[in-house]
C-alpha atoms as a PDB file:
ATOM      1  CA  MET A   1      -0.100   0.239   0.258  1.00  0.00           C
ATOM      2  CA  SER A   2       1.103   3.062  -0.977  1.00  0.00           C
ATOM      3  CA  ASP A   3       1.483   6.163   1.683  1.00  0.00           C
ATOM      4  CA  GLU A   4      -0.921   9.339  -0.488  1.00  0.00           C
ATOM      5  CA  PHE A   5       0.460  11.373   2.319  1.00  0.00           C
ATOM      6  CA  GLN A   6       4.070  13.413   0.692  1.00  0.00           C
ATOM      7  CA  ASP A   7       6.341  16.463   2.025  1.00  0.00           C
ATOM      8  CA  SER A   8       4.487  19.687   1.738  1.00  0.00           C
ATOM      9  CA  VAL A   9       5.579  23.706   2.554  1.00  0.00           C
ATOM     10  CA  VAL A  10       4.036  26.012   4.261  1.00  0.00           C
ATOM     11  CA  ARG A  11       4.821  29.536   3.710  1.00  0.00           C
ATOM     12  CA  PHE A  12       3.905  32.657   5.607  1.00  0.00           C
ATOM     13  CA  SER A  13       4.215  35.857   4.611  1.00  0.00           C
ATOM     14  CA  GLY A  14       3.240  39.652   5.074  1.00  0.00           C
ATOM     15  CA  ASN A  15       1.383  40.256   8.384  1.00  0.00           C
ATOM     16  CA  VAL A  16      -0.585  37.481  10.233  1.00  0.00           C
ATOM     17  CA  SER A  17      -1.922  38.818  13.119  1.00  0.00           C
ATOM     18  CA  ILE A  18      -5.800  38.498  15.169  1.00  0.00           C
ATOM     19  CA  SER A  19      -7.354  39.384  12.261  1.00  0.00           C
ATOM     20  CA  ASN A  20      -6.126  36.543   9.489  1.00  0.00           C
ATOM     21  CA  ILE A  21      -5.650  33.383  12.258  1.00  0.00           C
ATOM     22  CA  ALA A  22      -8.157  31.457  10.479  1.00  0.00           C
ATOM     23  CA  ASP A  23      -6.252  32.108   7.139  1.00  0.00           C
ATOM     24  CA  ALA A  24      -3.275  30.895   8.526  1.00  0.00           C
ATOM     25  CA  HIS A  25      -5.207  27.947  10.982  1.00  0.00           C
ATOM     26  CA  GLY A  26      -7.743  27.056   7.646  1.00  0.00           C
ATOM     27  CA  ILE A  27      -3.801  26.551   5.464  1.00  0.00           C
ATOM     28  CA  LEU A  28      -1.928  24.243   8.018  1.00  0.00           C
ATOM     29  CA  LEU A  29      -5.371  21.964   9.331  1.00  0.00           C
ATOM     30  CA  ALA A  30      -5.292  21.312   5.269  1.00  0.00           C
ATOM     31  CA  ALA A  31      -0.746  20.704   5.081  1.00  0.00           C
ATOM     32  CA  LEU A  32      -1.690  17.972   8.414  1.00  0.00           C
ATOM     33  CA  GLU A  33      -4.657  16.717   7.224  1.00  0.00           C
ATOM     34  CA  GLN A  34      -2.945  15.436   3.192  1.00  0.00           C
ATOM     35  CA  ASN A  35       0.817  15.178   5.074  1.00  0.00           C
ATOM     36  CA  ASN A  36       3.018  13.527   7.365  1.00  0.00           C
ATOM     37  CA  SER A  37       5.462  16.070   7.501  1.00  0.00           C
ATOM     38  CA  ILE A  38       4.938  19.981   6.955  1.00  0.00           C
ATOM     39  CA  THR A  39       7.578  22.574   6.936  1.00  0.00           C
ATOM     40  CA  ILE A  40       6.667  26.415   7.574  1.00  0.00           C
ATOM     41  CA  GLU A  41       9.047  29.143   5.861  1.00  0.00           C
ATOM     42  CA  ILE A  42       8.009  32.270   7.979  1.00  0.00           C
ATOM     43  CA  ASP A  43      11.268  34.393   6.169  1.00  0.00           C
ATOM     44  CA  ASP A  44       8.966  37.116   4.889  1.00  0.00           C
ATOM     45  CA  LEU A  45       6.743  37.693   7.564  1.00  0.00           C
ATOM     46  CA  GLU A  46       6.762  41.281   8.255  1.00  0.00           C
ATOM     47  CA  GLU A  47       4.100  41.303  10.802  1.00  0.00           C
ATOM     48  CA  VAL A  48       3.141  38.563  13.318  1.00  0.00           C
ATOM     49  CA  ASP A  49       1.452  38.787  17.076  1.00  0.00           C
ATOM     50  CA  LEU A  50       1.157  36.109  19.584  1.00  0.00           C
ATOM     51  CA  THR A  51      -2.094  33.971  18.211  1.00  0.00           C
ATOM     52  CA  PHE A  52       0.744  32.897  15.008  1.00  0.00           C
ATOM     53  CA  VAL A  53       3.284  31.759  17.631  1.00  0.00           C
ATOM     54  CA  GLN A  54       0.095  29.957  19.910  1.00  0.00           C
ATOM     55  CA  LEU A  55      -1.106  27.994  16.602  1.00  0.00           C
ATOM     56  CA  ILE A  56       2.282  27.547  14.900  1.00  0.00           C
ATOM     57  CA  GLU A  57       2.863  25.352  18.518  1.00  0.00           C
ATOM     58  CA  SER A  58      -0.438  23.610  19.163  1.00  0.00           C
ATOM     59  CA  ALA A  59       0.338  22.410  15.600  1.00  0.00           C
ATOM     60  CA  ARG A  60       3.132  21.616  16.500  1.00  0.00           C
ATOM     61  CA  ARG A  61       1.606  19.853  19.432  1.00  0.00           C
ATOM     62  CA  SER A  62      -0.982  17.407  17.376  1.00  0.00           C
ATOM     63  CA  ALA A  63       0.984  17.151  15.143  1.00  0.00           C
ATOM     64  CA  ALA A  64       3.301  15.049  16.994  1.00  0.00           C
ATOM     65  CA  GLU A  65       0.035  13.228  18.775  1.00  0.00           C
ATOM     66  CA  GLY A  66      -0.696  12.131  15.649  1.00  0.00           C
ATOM     67  CA  GLU A  67       2.823  11.107  14.592  1.00  0.00           C
ATOM     68  CA  ARG A  68       3.675  14.016  11.988  1.00  0.00           C
ATOM     69  CA  SER A  69       6.184  16.042  12.393  1.00  0.00           C
ATOM     70  CA  ILE A  70       5.981  20.004  11.060  1.00  0.00           C
ATOM     71  CA  ALA A  71       9.649  22.208  11.194  1.00  0.00           C
ATOM     72  CA  LEU A  72      10.722  25.062  10.270  1.00  0.00           C
ATOM     73  CA  ARG A  73      12.546  25.705   7.428  1.00  0.00           C
ATOM     74  CA  LYS A  74      14.809  28.371   8.933  1.00  0.00           C
ATOM     75  CA  ALA A  75      15.354  29.062  12.662  1.00  0.00           C
ATOM     76  CA  ALA A  76      12.766  32.100  13.569  1.00  0.00           C
ATOM     77  CA  GLN A  77      13.688  36.000  13.056  1.00  0.00           C
ATOM     78  CA  GLY A  78      12.629  38.877  12.935  1.00  0.00           C
ATOM     79  CA  ALA A  79       8.956  39.543  13.604  1.00  0.00           C
ATOM     80  CA  VAL A  80       8.598  36.409  15.017  1.00  0.00           C
ATOM     81  CA  LEU A  81      11.630  36.013  16.987  1.00  0.00           C
ATOM     82  CA  GLN A  82      10.621  39.294  18.674  1.00  0.00           C
ATOM     83  CA  VAL A  83       7.425  37.682  19.379  1.00  0.00           C
ATOM     84  CA  LEU A  84       8.663  34.977  20.905  1.00  0.00           C
ATOM     85  CA  GLN A  85      10.971  36.492  23.050  1.00  0.00           C
ATOM     86  CA  ARG A  86       8.652  39.002  23.723  1.00  0.00           C
ATOM     87  CA  GLY A  87       6.138  36.145  24.901  1.00  0.00           C
ATOM     88  CA  GLY A  88       8.460  33.759  26.680  1.00  0.00           C
ATOM     89  CA  PHE A  89       8.444  31.328  24.156  1.00  0.00           C
ATOM     90  CA  LEU A  90      12.495  31.064  24.294  1.00  0.00           C
ATOM     91  CA  ASP A  91      13.094  29.299  28.439  1.00  0.00           C
ATOM     92  CA  PRO A  92      15.909  27.310  27.818  1.00  0.00           C
ATOM     93  CA  GLU A  93      13.879  24.857  30.272  1.00  0.00           C
ATOM     94  CA  GLU A  94      11.384  23.983  27.108  1.00  0.00           C
ATOM     95  CA  ARG A  95      14.454  22.580  24.953  1.00  0.00           C
ATOM     96  CA  ASP A  96      11.787  20.807  22.369  1.00  0.00           C
ATOM     97  CA  ARG A  97       9.675  24.107  21.491  1.00  0.00           C
ATOM     98  CA  THR A  98      13.068  26.340  21.901  1.00  0.00           C
ATOM     99  CA  ASN A  99      15.386  23.826  19.733  1.00  0.00           C
ATOM    100  CA  PHE A 100      11.495  24.330  17.141  1.00  0.00           C
ATOM    101  CA  TRP A 101      12.145  27.977  17.524  1.00  0.00           C
ATOM    102  CA  LEU A 102      15.132  28.397  16.666  1.00  0.00           C
ATOM    103  CA  GLN A 103      16.421  25.219  15.787  1.00  0.00           C
ATOM    104  CA  GLY A 104      19.438  24.799  17.888  1.00  0.00           C
ATOM    105  CA  ALA A 105      20.927  27.616  17.475  1.00  0.00           C
ATOM    106  CA  ASN A 106      21.863  29.870  21.227  1.00  0.00           C
ATOM    107  CA  GLN A 107      20.414  33.340  22.188  1.00  0.00           C
END
């Protein structure tokens, strides 16, 4: 039986905030329903808020529970990194989360 799931790249750009988080949720949900592995590109994000980080965290946990994976193409930087820092998401004691967002880079 062939595996119907493929790797998928989900790209976010521009602004992702509470005003359009439902669109981002729909994109991630569709990708998770159709793929075992998702790579997320966030390089072109200009503005984000806490809802975006929470969405990605929730998707990451849901994927792990369903034996799927989510990864970032590159470590968080710019607007995303600022939200992560302000929101306390880069706690060194939360290694899995910090490694996900920073890809092992020290901050």
